[in-house]
């Protein structure tokens, strides 16, 4: 069918009962002259009539329930994935709370960790830092959560 798009548009408008009188006349003349468009128009009229004739058909009352019962059951992981995809803000907020809680708990006991400033000639035995006899350490020796034993000398800078 090599006719103009407007003729096909007029056909649709006619079948929708929304055609203007001047377009109706153009369509009538074209269908009189073009056998191919006339056949196409009749096929479209048949399709519309078929759809309209089935409008009284009603599905059984339990149709939806039967179809839903035959569908495969959703797994728990699929439901959870769908929830996370449909609630991205809540997912981000939950992840933020989890990470912040972990961070707080990891720093909570950090005060109890043993640490010592890095300086040469210091000896560390367990949680005791020893300045050996005969050694001179220049600068402050900082020991956190441990003991210090000074057998040598510590010179402040």
N, C-alpha and C. Protein backbone atom coordinates (compact mmCIF):
# COMPACT_ATOMS: atom_id res chain seq x y z
N UNK A 1 0.86 -1.17 0.00
CA UNK A 1 0.00 0.00 0.00
C UNK A 1 0.91 1.23 0.00
N UNK A 2 0.89 1.95 -1.09
CA UNK A 2 1.77 3.09 -1.27
C UNK A 2 1.05 4.42 -1.12
N UNK A 3 -0.08 4.44 -0.48
CA UNK A 3 -0.85 5.68 -0.35
C UNK A 3 -0.29 6.53 0.78
N UNK A 4 -0.73 7.79 0.79
CA UNK A 4 -0.25 8.75 1.78
C UNK A 4 -0.63 8.33 3.19
N UNK A 5 0.19 8.72 4.15
CA UNK A 5 -0.07 8.44 5.56
C UNK A 5 -1.37 9.08 6.03
N UNK A 6 -1.73 10.20 5.42
CA UNK A 6 -2.94 10.90 5.86
C UNK A 6 -4.19 10.07 5.57
N UNK A 7 -4.19 9.28 4.51
CA UNK A 7 -5.34 8.43 4.19
C UNK A 7 -5.51 7.37 5.28
N UNK A 8 -4.40 6.79 5.71
CA UNK A 8 -4.46 5.78 6.78
C UNK A 8 -4.91 6.44 8.07
N UNK A 9 -4.45 7.66 8.30
CA UNK A 9 -4.89 8.41 9.48
C UNK A 9 -6.39 8.67 9.42
N UNK A 10 -6.89 9.00 8.25
CA UNK A 10 -8.32 9.22 8.09
C UNK A 10 -9.10 7.94 8.36
N UNK A 11 -8.54 6.79 7.94
CA UNK A 11 -9.20 5.51 8.21
C UNK A 11 -9.35 5.29 9.72
N UNK A 12 -8.27 5.55 10.43
CA UNK A 12 -8.31 5.38 11.90
C UNK A 12 -9.30 6.35 12.54
N UNK A 13 -9.29 7.58 12.06
CA UNK A 13 -10.24 8.57 12.59
C UNK A 13 -11.68 8.14 12.32
N UNK A 14 -11.92 7.60 11.12
CA UNK A 14 -13.28 7.14 10.77
C UNK A 14 -13.71 6.01 11.71
N UNK A 15 -12.84 5.05 11.92
CA UNK A 15 -13.18 3.91 12.77
C UNK A 15 -13.34 4.33 14.24
N UNK A 16 -12.66 5.38 14.63
CA UNK A 16 -12.80 5.90 16.00
C UNK A 16 -13.99 6.85 16.11
N UNK A 17 -14.67 7.05 14.99
CA UNK A 17 -15.80 7.98 14.91
C UNK A 17 -15.39 9.39 15.33
N UNK A 18 -14.21 9.79 14.82
CA UNK A 18 -13.65 11.08 15.18
C UNK A 18 -13.15 11.82 13.93
N UNK A 19 -13.76 11.52 12.79
CA UNK A 19 -13.29 12.10 11.54
C UNK A 19 -14.06 13.38 11.21
N UNK A 20 -13.36 14.34 10.67
CA UNK A 20 -13.99 15.60 10.25
C UNK A 20 -14.73 15.36 8.93
N UNK A 21 -15.78 16.10 8.69
CA UNK A 21 -16.57 15.87 7.46
C UNK A 21 -15.75 16.02 6.17
N UNK A 22 -14.85 17.00 6.12
CA UNK A 22 -14.06 17.17 4.89
C UNK A 22 -13.07 16.02 4.69
N UNK A 23 -12.55 15.45 5.77
CA UNK A 23 -11.64 14.30 5.67
C UNK A 23 -12.43 13.04 5.30
N UNK A 24 -13.65 12.96 5.76
CA UNK A 24 -14.50 11.81 5.45
C UNK A 24 -14.75 11.75 3.94
N UNK A 25 -14.96 12.90 3.34
CA UNK A 25 -15.20 12.95 1.90
C UNK A 25 -13.94 12.56 1.13
N UNK A 26 -12.76 13.04 1.58
CA UNK A 26 -11.49 12.68 0.94
C UNK A 26 -11.28 11.16 1.04
N UNK A 27 -11.55 10.59 2.19
CA UNK A 27 -11.39 9.15 2.40
C UNK A 27 -12.34 8.37 1.50
N UNK A 28 -13.60 8.81 1.42
CA UNK A 28 -14.59 8.11 0.60
C UNK A 28 -14.15 8.08 -0.86
N UNK A 29 -13.67 9.22 -1.37
CA UNK A 29 -13.22 9.28 -2.78
C UNK A 29 -12.00 8.38 -3.00
N UNK A 30 -11.08 8.40 -2.03
CA UNK A 30 -9.87 7.59 -2.19
C UNK A 30 -10.20 6.10 -2.17
N UNK A 31 -11.07 5.69 -1.27
CA UNK A 31 -11.44 4.28 -1.19
C UNK A 31 -12.19 3.83 -2.45
N UNK A 32 -12.91 4.76 -3.07
CA UNK A 32 -13.60 4.44 -4.32
C UNK A 32 -12.59 4.16 -5.42
N UNK A 33 -11.44 4.90 -5.41
CA UNK A 33 -10.46 4.78 -6.49
C UNK A 33 -9.36 3.75 -6.21
N UNK A 34 -9.06 3.45 -4.94
CA UNK A 34 -7.90 2.61 -4.61
C UNK A 34 -8.38 1.28 -4.00
N UNK A 35 -8.26 0.22 -4.77
CA UNK A 35 -8.72 -1.10 -4.31
C UNK A 35 -7.89 -1.60 -3.13
N UNK A 36 -6.60 -1.33 -3.16
CA UNK A 36 -5.73 -1.81 -2.08
C UNK A 36 -6.11 -1.17 -0.74
N UNK A 37 -6.35 0.12 -0.73
CA UNK A 37 -6.77 0.81 0.49
C UNK A 37 -8.16 0.36 0.91
N UNK A 38 -9.03 0.11 -0.08
CA UNK A 38 -10.37 -0.36 0.22
C UNK A 38 -10.31 -1.71 0.93
N UNK A 39 -9.47 -2.63 0.46
CA UNK A 39 -9.31 -3.95 1.11
C UNK A 39 -8.75 -3.78 2.53
N UNK A 40 -7.75 -2.91 2.65
CA UNK A 40 -7.15 -2.67 3.97
C UNK A 40 -8.19 -2.10 4.94
N UNK A 41 -9.01 -1.16 4.46
CA UNK A 41 -10.03 -0.54 5.29
C UNK A 41 -11.07 -1.57 5.74
N UNK A 42 -11.46 -2.46 4.84
CA UNK A 42 -12.44 -3.49 5.21
C UNK A 42 -11.85 -4.46 6.24
N UNK A 43 -10.57 -4.78 6.12
CA UNK A 43 -9.93 -5.65 7.11
C UNK A 43 -9.89 -4.97 8.49
N UNK A 44 -9.61 -3.68 8.48
CA UNK A 44 -9.61 -2.94 9.75
C UNK A 44 -11.01 -2.90 10.36
N UNK A 45 -12.04 -2.73 9.53
CA UNK A 45 -13.42 -2.72 10.02
C UNK A 45 -13.78 -4.08 10.62
N UNK A 46 -13.30 -5.15 10.00
CA UNK A 46 -13.57 -6.50 10.53
C UNK A 46 -12.89 -6.67 11.89
N UNK A 47 -11.66 -6.18 12.02
CA UNK A 47 -10.92 -6.30 13.29
C UNK A 47 -11.64 -5.53 14.40
N UNK A 48 -12.12 -4.34 14.08
CA UNK A 48 -12.85 -3.54 15.07
C UNK A 48 -14.14 -4.25 15.45
N UNK A 49 -14.84 -4.80 14.48
CA UNK A 49 -16.08 -5.52 14.77
C UNK A 49 -15.82 -6.74 15.65
N UNK A 50 -14.72 -7.44 15.39
CA UNK A 50 -14.38 -8.61 16.20
C UNK A 50 -14.11 -8.20 17.65
N UNK A 51 -13.35 -7.15 17.83
CA UNK A 51 -13.05 -6.67 19.19
C UNK A 51 -14.32 -6.23 19.89
N UNK A 52 -15.18 -5.53 19.19
CA UNK A 52 -16.42 -5.07 19.79
C UNK A 52 -17.36 -6.22 20.11
N UNK A 53 -17.33 -7.28 19.31
CA UNK A 53 -18.21 -8.42 19.55
C UNK A 53 -17.77 -9.24 20.76
N UNK A 54 -16.52 -9.12 21.16
CA UNK A 54 -16.04 -9.89 22.32
C UNK A 54 -16.13 -9.10 23.61
N UNK A 55 -16.70 -7.91 23.57
CA UNK A 55 -16.75 -7.08 24.78
C UNK A 55 -17.67 -7.67 25.84
N UNK A 56 -18.62 -8.52 25.46
CA UNK A 56 -19.53 -9.12 26.44
C UNK A 56 -18.92 -10.35 27.13
N UNK A 57 -17.81 -10.85 26.60
CA UNK A 57 -17.16 -12.03 27.19
C UNK A 57 -16.52 -11.61 28.51
N UNK A 58 -16.77 -12.41 29.53
CA UNK A 58 -16.26 -12.09 30.87
C UNK A 58 -15.48 -13.29 31.39
N UNK A 59 -14.34 -13.03 31.99
CA UNK A 59 -13.53 -14.10 32.58
C UNK A 59 -14.24 -14.62 33.83
N UNK A 60 -14.04 -15.90 34.16
CA UNK A 60 -14.64 -16.44 35.39
C UNK A 60 -14.16 -15.66 36.61
N UNK A 61 -14.97 -15.67 37.65
CA UNK A 61 -14.65 -14.91 38.86
C UNK A 61 -13.33 -15.34 39.49
N UNK A 62 -13.01 -16.62 39.41
CA UNK A 62 -11.79 -17.12 40.04
C UNK A 62 -10.61 -17.17 39.08
N UNK A 63 -10.73 -16.54 37.91
CA UNK A 63 -9.67 -16.58 36.91
C UNK A 63 -8.34 -16.04 37.44
N UNK A 64 -8.38 -14.87 38.06
CA UNK A 64 -7.15 -14.25 38.57
C UNK A 64 -6.51 -15.12 39.64
N UNK A 65 -7.32 -15.66 40.53
CA UNK A 65 -6.78 -16.51 41.60
C UNK A 65 -6.12 -17.75 41.03
N UNK A 66 -6.73 -18.35 40.00
CA UNK A 66 -6.15 -19.56 39.39
C UNK A 66 -4.82 -19.24 38.70
N UNK A 67 -4.78 -18.14 37.98
CA UNK A 67 -3.53 -17.76 37.29
C UNK A 67 -2.44 -17.48 38.31
N UNK A 68 -2.76 -16.74 39.36
CA UNK A 68 -1.76 -16.42 40.39
C UNK A 68 -1.26 -17.69 41.08
N UNK A 69 -2.15 -18.67 41.28
CA UNK A 69 -1.76 -19.91 41.94
C UNK A 69 -0.81 -20.72 41.07
N UNK A 70 -0.89 -20.57 39.75
CA UNK A 70 -0.04 -21.34 38.85
C UNK A 70 1.32 -20.68 38.62
N UNK A 71 1.47 -19.44 39.02
CA UNK A 71 2.76 -18.77 38.86
C UNK A 71 3.77 -19.35 39.85
N UNK A 72 5.06 -19.38 39.48
CA UNK A 72 6.06 -19.89 40.42
C UNK A 72 6.15 -18.98 41.64
N UNK A 73 6.41 -19.60 42.77
CA UNK A 73 6.49 -18.85 44.03
C UNK A 73 7.76 -18.01 44.03
N UNK A 74 7.66 -16.83 44.62
CA UNK A 74 8.80 -15.92 44.71
C UNK A 74 9.69 -16.35 45.87
N UNK A 75 10.99 -16.37 45.61
CA UNK A 75 11.93 -16.71 46.67
C UNK A 75 12.14 -15.51 47.58
N UNK A 76 12.63 -15.77 48.78
CA UNK A 76 12.85 -14.68 49.74
C UNK A 76 13.89 -13.70 49.22
N UNK A 77 14.93 -14.21 48.56
CA UNK A 77 15.98 -13.31 48.07
C UNK A 77 15.45 -12.40 46.97
N UNK A 78 14.54 -12.91 46.14
CA UNK A 78 13.96 -12.07 45.09
C UNK A 78 13.15 -10.95 45.71
N UNK A 79 12.37 -11.27 46.74
CA UNK A 79 11.58 -10.24 47.42
C UNK A 79 12.46 -9.19 48.06
N UNK A 80 13.56 -9.63 48.68
CA UNK A 80 14.47 -8.68 49.31
C UNK A 80 15.15 -7.80 48.26
N UNK A 81 15.55 -8.40 47.14
CA UNK A 81 16.19 -7.62 46.08
C UNK A 81 15.23 -6.57 45.54
N UNK A 82 13.96 -6.96 45.36
CA UNK A 82 12.98 -6.02 44.85
C UNK A 82 12.79 -4.88 45.85
N UNK A 83 12.76 -5.20 47.14
CA UNK A 83 12.58 -4.15 48.15
C UNK A 83 13.75 -3.18 48.11
N UNK A 84 14.99 -3.70 48.03
CA UNK A 84 16.15 -2.82 47.99
C UNK A 84 16.14 -1.95 46.74
N UNK A 85 15.71 -2.50 45.61
CA UNK A 85 15.66 -1.70 44.38
C UNK A 85 14.58 -0.64 44.43
N UNK A 86 13.48 -0.93 45.07
CA UNK A 86 12.39 0.04 45.10
C UNK A 86 12.52 1.04 46.25
N UNK A 87 13.45 0.83 47.17
CA UNK A 87 13.67 1.76 48.28
C UNK A 87 15.16 2.12 48.39
N UNK A 88 15.72 2.80 47.39
CA UNK A 88 17.16 3.07 47.42
C UNK A 88 17.58 4.00 48.56
N UNK A 89 16.72 4.95 48.92
CA UNK A 89 17.08 5.87 50.00
C UNK A 89 17.15 5.12 51.32
N UNK A 90 16.18 4.24 51.58
CA UNK A 90 16.18 3.47 52.82
C UNK A 90 17.38 2.52 52.86
N UNK A 91 17.73 1.95 51.73
CA UNK A 91 18.90 1.07 51.65
C UNK A 91 20.17 1.84 51.98
N UNK A 92 20.32 3.02 51.41
CA UNK A 92 21.50 3.85 51.67
C UNK A 92 21.55 4.27 53.14
N UNK A 93 20.41 4.63 53.71
CA UNK A 93 20.36 5.04 55.11
C UNK A 93 20.73 3.87 56.02
N UNK A 94 20.23 2.68 55.71
CA UNK A 94 20.55 1.50 56.52
C UNK A 94 22.04 1.18 56.44
N UNK A 95 22.61 1.26 55.25
CA UNK A 95 24.05 0.99 55.10
C UNK A 95 24.87 2.03 55.87
N UNK A 96 24.44 3.28 55.83
CA UNK A 96 25.13 4.33 56.56
C UNK A 96 25.11 4.04 58.06
N UNK A 97 23.95 3.67 58.58
CA UNK A 97 23.84 3.37 60.02
C UNK A 97 24.70 2.17 60.39
N UNK A 98 24.70 1.14 59.56
CA UNK A 98 25.52 -0.05 59.85
C UNK A 98 27.00 0.32 59.87
N UNK A 99 27.44 1.07 58.88
CA UNK A 99 28.86 1.44 58.81
C UNK A 99 29.26 2.36 59.96
N UNK A 100 28.40 3.31 60.30
CA UNK A 100 28.71 4.22 61.41
C UNK A 100 28.74 3.46 62.74
N UNK A 101 27.83 2.53 62.93
CA UNK A 101 27.82 1.73 64.16
C UNK A 101 29.09 0.91 64.26
N UNK A 102 29.50 0.31 63.17
CA UNK A 102 30.75 -0.44 63.17
C UNK A 102 31.94 0.44 63.47
N UNK A 103 31.94 1.64 62.91
CA UNK A 103 33.03 2.57 63.16
C UNK A 103 33.09 2.98 64.63
N UNK A 104 31.93 3.25 65.22
CA UNK A 104 31.88 3.65 66.63
C UNK A 104 32.39 2.52 67.52
N UNK A 105 31.93 1.30 67.25
CA UNK A 105 32.38 0.17 68.07
C UNK A 105 33.85 -0.15 67.88
N UNK A 106 34.38 0.08 66.68
CA UNK A 106 35.79 -0.19 66.47
C UNK A 106 36.68 0.83 67.19
N UNK A 107 36.21 2.06 67.32
CA UNK A 107 37.00 3.06 68.04
C UNK A 107 36.71 3.07 69.54
N UNK A 108 35.67 2.39 69.96
CA UNK A 108 35.28 2.37 71.36
C UNK A 108 36.38 1.80 72.25
N UNK A 109 36.98 0.71 71.84
CA UNK A 109 38.02 0.07 72.63
C UNK A 109 39.43 0.49 72.22
N UNK A 110 39.53 1.46 71.36
CA UNK A 110 40.84 1.87 70.86
C UNK A 110 41.70 2.48 71.97
N UNK A 111 41.09 3.05 72.99
CA UNK A 111 41.86 3.63 74.09
C UNK A 111 42.64 2.58 74.86
N UNK A 112 42.26 1.35 74.76
CA UNK A 112 42.92 0.28 75.50
C UNK A 112 44.08 -0.36 74.74
N UNK A 113 44.34 0.09 73.53
CA UNK A 113 45.43 -0.49 72.73
C UNK A 113 46.77 0.09 73.16
N UNK A 114 47.74 -0.78 73.21
CA UNK A 114 49.10 -0.39 73.58
C UNK A 114 49.77 0.26 72.38
N UNK A 115 50.46 1.41 72.64
CA UNK A 115 51.23 2.05 71.57
C UNK A 115 52.41 2.79 72.20
N UNK A 116 53.46 2.95 71.39
CA UNK A 116 54.67 3.62 71.87
C UNK A 116 55.24 4.44 70.73
N UNK A 117 55.87 5.57 71.06
CA UNK A 117 56.50 6.40 70.03
C UNK A 117 57.70 5.65 69.45
N UNK A 118 57.93 5.87 68.17
CA UNK A 118 58.99 5.16 67.46
C UNK A 118 60.31 5.90 67.65
N UNK A 119 61.20 5.30 68.42
CA UNK A 119 62.52 5.89 68.63
C UNK A 119 63.54 4.74 68.67
N UNK A 120 64.76 5.03 68.24
CA UNK A 120 65.77 3.96 68.22
C UNK A 120 66.20 3.57 69.65
N UNK A 121 66.64 2.34 69.80
CA UNK A 121 67.21 1.79 71.03
C UNK A 121 66.19 1.52 72.13
N UNK A 122 64.90 1.61 71.84
CA UNK A 122 63.89 1.24 72.83
C UNK A 122 63.65 -0.26 72.74
N UNK A 123 63.44 -0.89 73.88
CA UNK A 123 63.15 -2.31 73.91
C UNK A 123 61.72 -2.47 74.41
N UNK A 124 60.92 -3.25 73.67
CA UNK A 124 59.52 -3.47 74.05
C UNK A 124 59.37 -4.94 74.42
N UNK A 125 58.93 -5.16 75.66
CA UNK A 125 58.67 -6.52 76.14
C UNK A 125 57.24 -6.55 76.65
N UNK A 126 56.33 -7.18 75.89
CA UNK A 126 54.92 -7.19 76.26
C UNK A 126 54.37 -5.78 76.16
N UNK A 127 53.88 -5.26 77.28
CA UNK A 127 53.36 -3.89 77.30
C UNK A 127 54.27 -2.98 78.12
N UNK A 128 55.53 -3.36 78.21
CA UNK A 128 56.51 -2.55 78.93
C UNK A 128 57.57 -2.08 77.95
N UNK A 129 57.83 -0.76 77.98
CA UNK A 129 58.86 -0.17 77.14
C UNK A 129 60.06 0.11 78.04
N UNK A 130 61.23 -0.35 77.61
CA UNK A 130 62.45 -0.23 78.43
C UNK A 130 63.45 0.64 77.69
N UNK A 131 63.97 1.65 78.43
CA UNK A 131 65.11 2.41 77.94
C UNK A 131 66.32 1.70 78.55
N UNK A 132 67.10 0.96 77.75
CA UNK A 132 68.18 0.15 78.30
C UNK A 132 69.25 0.99 79.00
N UNK A 133 69.90 0.35 79.95
CA UNK A 133 70.98 0.99 80.70
C UNK A 133 72.11 1.34 79.74
N UNK A 134 72.63 2.55 79.88
CA UNK A 134 73.73 3.01 79.05
C UNK A 134 73.24 3.66 77.75
N UNK A 135 71.93 3.69 77.47
CA UNK A 135 71.38 4.31 76.26
C UNK A 135 70.81 5.68 76.61
N UNK A 136 70.93 6.62 75.68
CA UNK A 136 70.34 7.95 75.86
C UNK A 136 69.35 8.17 74.72
N UNK A 137 68.11 8.42 75.09
CA UNK A 137 67.05 8.66 74.10
C UNK A 137 66.83 10.16 74.05
N UNK A 138 66.86 10.74 72.86
CA UNK A 138 66.65 12.17 72.69
C UNK A 138 65.19 12.39 72.28
N UNK A 139 64.49 13.22 73.02
CA UNK A 139 63.08 13.51 72.76
C UNK A 139 62.21 12.78 73.76
N UNK A 140 60.93 13.05 73.69
CA UNK A 140 59.98 12.44 74.62
C UNK A 140 59.67 11.01 74.20
N UNK A 141 59.53 10.15 75.18
CA UNK A 141 59.09 8.78 74.94
C UNK A 141 57.63 8.73 75.39
N UNK A 142 56.74 8.41 74.44
CA UNK A 142 55.31 8.37 74.74
C UNK A 142 54.86 6.92 74.72
N UNK A 143 54.27 6.48 75.85
CA UNK A 143 53.75 5.12 75.95
C UNK A 143 52.27 5.24 76.32
N UNK A 144 51.42 4.61 75.54
CA UNK A 144 49.99 4.66 75.81
C UNK A 144 49.51 3.26 76.17
N UNK A 145 48.80 3.16 77.32
CA UNK A 145 48.25 1.89 77.82
C UNK A 145 49.34 0.84 78.04
N UNK A 146 50.45 1.29 78.58
CA UNK A 146 51.54 0.38 78.90
C UNK A 146 52.42 0.98 79.98
N UNK A 147 53.51 0.32 80.26
CA UNK A 147 54.45 0.76 81.30
C UNK A 147 55.76 1.16 80.66
N UNK A 148 56.49 2.01 81.36
CA UNK A 148 57.83 2.40 80.90
C UNK A 148 58.82 2.15 82.01
N UNK A 149 59.93 1.62 81.63
CA UNK A 149 61.02 1.36 82.59
C UNK A 149 62.25 2.05 82.04
N UNK A 150 62.75 3.05 82.80
CA UNK A 150 63.90 3.82 82.32
C UNK A 150 65.12 3.40 83.10
N UNK A 151 66.01 2.65 82.45
CA UNK A 151 67.28 2.26 83.04
C UNK A 151 68.38 3.18 82.52
N UNK A 152 68.20 3.77 81.35
CA UNK A 152 69.19 4.68 80.76
C UNK A 152 68.75 6.12 80.99
N UNK A 153 68.93 6.99 79.99
CA UNK A 153 68.58 8.40 80.10
C UNK A 153 67.64 8.82 78.99
N UNK A 154 66.79 9.82 79.31
CA UNK A 154 65.90 10.42 78.33
C UNK A 154 66.14 11.91 78.38
N UNK A 155 66.59 12.47 77.26
CA UNK A 155 66.86 13.92 77.19
C UNK A 155 65.73 14.56 76.40
N UNK A 156 65.13 15.60 77.00
CA UNK A 156 64.08 16.34 76.31
C UNK A 156 64.70 17.23 75.26
N UNK A 157 63.97 17.49 74.23
CA UNK A 157 64.47 18.37 73.17
C UNK A 157 63.89 19.75 73.30
